[in-house]
């Protein structure tokens, strides 16, 4: 699916579910890592995580689009568009959008951590992405010294 296809899908969902047109841009944004989509308050554009389409079926993508369109239409109408607002919750339930986006699958760029530290006394292991100064820290379980494995 291209950005043009996504734009057409968002415009179609906006007309059928909300009975209002979507007049701004909807694009895929690969920089979104942990969220399904984002509504931009300043430009009124919508960004969608492409993993919502590649990792899940199209119903998940439609749910995320409806969620972002709730933000869009409520913000333009001057009503409560934030997650905590009752207007947002009611509109989301009415159109059948997803309250939470599923967690995208982790990319296979290698190990989730680079460094493995281990307590010299009890053997507790601490996987870490960043290095740590072993002279400043001790084991959280037994207060023993920690070394890099």
Protein backbone atom coordinates (compact mmCIF):
# COMPACT_ATOMS: atom_id res chain seq x y z
CA UNK A 1 0.00 0.00 0.00
CA UNK A 2 1.36 3.39 -0.98
CA UNK A 3 0.79 6.78 0.61
CA UNK A 4 -1.80 7.55 -2.08
CA UNK A 5 -3.68 4.35 -1.25
CA UNK A 6 -3.56 5.25 2.43
CA UNK A 7 -4.86 8.75 1.67
CA UNK A 8 -7.81 7.30 -0.24
CA UNK A 9 -8.53 4.80 2.55
CA UNK A 10 -8.50 7.52 5.22
CA UNK A 11 -10.77 9.74 3.13
CA UNK A 12 -13.18 6.84 2.58
CA UNK A 13 -13.25 5.87 6.28
CA UNK A 14 -13.79 9.51 7.26
CA UNK A 15 -16.81 9.82 4.98
CA UNK A 16 -18.41 6.49 5.91
CA UNK A 17 -17.76 6.40 9.67
CA UNK A 18 -17.75 10.11 10.56
CA UNK A 19 -19.89 11.59 7.74
CA UNK A 20 -17.27 14.34 7.36
CA UNK A 21 -14.50 14.79 4.80
CA UNK A 22 -10.81 14.44 5.61
CA UNK A 23 -9.10 17.44 4.01
CA UNK A 24 -5.47 16.95 5.03
CA UNK A 25 -2.61 14.50 4.41
CA UNK A 26 -2.31 10.93 5.66
CA UNK A 27 1.08 9.26 5.18
CA UNK A 28 3.07 6.31 6.42
CA UNK A 29 5.84 7.27 8.83
CA UNK A 30 8.46 4.57 9.46
CA UNK A 31 9.96 6.59 12.32
CA UNK A 32 6.99 5.70 14.51
CA UNK A 33 8.23 2.79 16.62
CA UNK A 34 5.89 2.16 19.53
CA UNK A 35 2.68 3.82 18.40
CA UNK A 36 0.18 2.93 15.73
CA UNK A 37 -0.39 6.44 14.48
CA UNK A 38 -0.12 10.13 15.27
CA UNK A 39 -2.38 13.11 14.70
CA UNK A 40 -0.42 16.35 14.33
CA UNK A 41 -2.17 19.27 15.98
CA UNK A 42 -0.41 22.00 14.01
CA UNK A 43 -0.77 20.67 10.47
CA UNK A 44 -3.81 18.38 11.05
CA UNK A 45 -2.00 15.60 9.18
CA UNK A 46 -2.07 11.97 10.22
CA UNK A 47 0.96 9.67 10.33
CA UNK A 48 0.48 5.91 10.37
CA UNK A 49 3.05 3.33 11.42
CA UNK A 50 3.61 1.07 8.38
CA UNK A 51 4.03 -1.91 10.73
CA UNK A 52 0.29 -1.74 11.44
CA UNK A 53 -0.18 -2.99 7.88
CA UNK A 54 2.80 -5.35 7.54
CA UNK A 55 2.63 -7.01 10.99
CA UNK A 56 -1.16 -7.17 11.34
CA UNK A 57 -4.23 -7.49 9.14
CA UNK A 58 -6.11 -4.60 7.57
CA UNK A 59 -8.73 -4.47 10.34
CA UNK A 60 -6.02 -3.29 12.77
CA UNK A 61 -5.01 -0.58 10.31
CA UNK A 62 -8.62 0.56 9.97
CA UNK A 63 -8.96 0.67 13.78
CA UNK A 64 -5.85 2.85 14.08
CA UNK A 65 -7.09 5.15 11.30
CA UNK A 66 -10.45 5.55 13.06
CA UNK A 67 -8.62 6.37 16.30
CA UNK A 68 -6.59 9.11 14.63
CA UNK A 69 -9.64 10.42 12.80
CA UNK A 70 -11.39 10.80 16.17
CA UNK A 71 -8.56 13.08 17.26
CA UNK A 72 -8.79 14.92 13.92
CA UNK A 73 -12.53 15.58 13.81
CA UNK A 74 -12.87 16.44 17.50
CA UNK A 75 -9.93 18.85 17.37
CA UNK A 76 -11.32 20.65 14.33
CA UNK A 77 -14.74 20.82 16.00
CA UNK A 78 -13.23 22.39 19.11
CA UNK A 79 -14.26 19.54 21.39
CA UNK A 80 -12.21 17.32 23.70
CA UNK A 81 -9.82 15.39 21.46
CA UNK A 82 -7.47 13.93 24.08
CA UNK A 83 -7.57 10.31 25.23
CA UNK A 84 -8.95 11.25 28.65
CA UNK A 85 -11.87 13.31 27.31
CA UNK A 86 -15.37 11.85 27.37
CA UNK A 87 -16.13 13.16 23.88
CA UNK A 88 -13.15 11.24 22.50
CA UNK A 89 -14.10 8.02 24.30
CA UNK A 90 -17.71 8.24 23.16
CA UNK A 91 -16.87 8.96 19.52
CA UNK A 92 -14.27 6.19 19.46
CA UNK A 93 -16.79 3.68 20.80
CA UNK A 94 -19.43 4.92 18.34
CA UNK A 95 -17.26 4.45 15.23
CA UNK A 96 -15.59 1.26 16.47
CA UNK A 97 -12.00 2.46 16.50
CA UNK A 98 -9.26 0.79 18.48
CA UNK A 99 -8.49 2.26 21.89
CA UNK A 100 -4.94 0.87 21.88
CA UNK A 101 -2.77 -0.13 18.95
CA UNK A 102 -1.12 -3.54 19.21
CA UNK A 103 2.60 -3.57 19.90
CA UNK A 104 4.54 -3.90 16.65
CA UNK A 105 6.90 -6.82 16.33
CA UNK A 106 10.51 -6.00 17.15
CA UNK A 107 12.80 -5.57 14.21
CA UNK A 108 15.40 -8.26 13.71
CA UNK A 109 18.46 -6.05 13.95
CA UNK A 110 20.27 -8.47 16.24
CA UNK A 111 20.28 -8.93 19.97
CA UNK A 112 18.08 -6.73 22.13
CA UNK A 113 21.11 -6.03 24.31
CA UNK A 114 24.85 -5.68 23.73
CA UNK A 115 26.36 -6.13 27.17
CA UNK A 116 25.81 -8.83 29.77
CA UNK A 117 26.80 -8.16 33.36
CA UNK A 118 26.80 -10.83 36.06
CA UNK A 119 27.04 -10.76 39.84
CA UNK A 120 30.19 -12.49 41.07
CA UNK A 121 28.50 -13.64 44.26
CA UNK A 122 25.00 -14.90 43.34
CA UNK A 123 25.20 -15.13 39.53
CA UNK A 124 22.32 -12.72 38.80
CA UNK A 125 22.57 -11.54 35.16
CA UNK A 126 21.91 -8.02 33.91
CA UNK A 127 21.54 -7.62 30.11
CA UNK A 128 22.16 -4.02 29.09
CA UNK A 129 22.08 -1.99 25.91
CA UNK A 130 24.62 0.50 27.25
CA UNK A 131 27.84 0.04 29.18
CA UNK A 132 27.87 0.74 32.89
CA UNK A 133 30.59 1.57 35.38
CA UNK A 134 30.92 -1.61 37.48
CA UNK A 135 32.78 0.22 40.25
CA UNK A 136 29.70 2.37 40.95
CA UNK A 137 27.03 -0.35 40.99
CA UNK A 138 26.44 -3.58 42.91
CA UNK A 139 24.01 -6.46 42.58
CA UNK A 140 20.42 -5.53 43.43
CA UNK A 141 19.79 -8.92 44.98
CA UNK A 142 22.83 -9.55 47.20
CA UNK A 143 24.92 -6.34 46.94
CA UNK A 144 27.80 -8.36 45.43
CA UNK A 145 30.27 -7.00 42.86
CA UNK A 146 29.26 -6.98 39.19
CA UNK A 147 31.50 -7.82 36.24
CA UNK A 148 31.12 -7.75 32.45
CA UNK A 149 30.72 -11.25 31.02
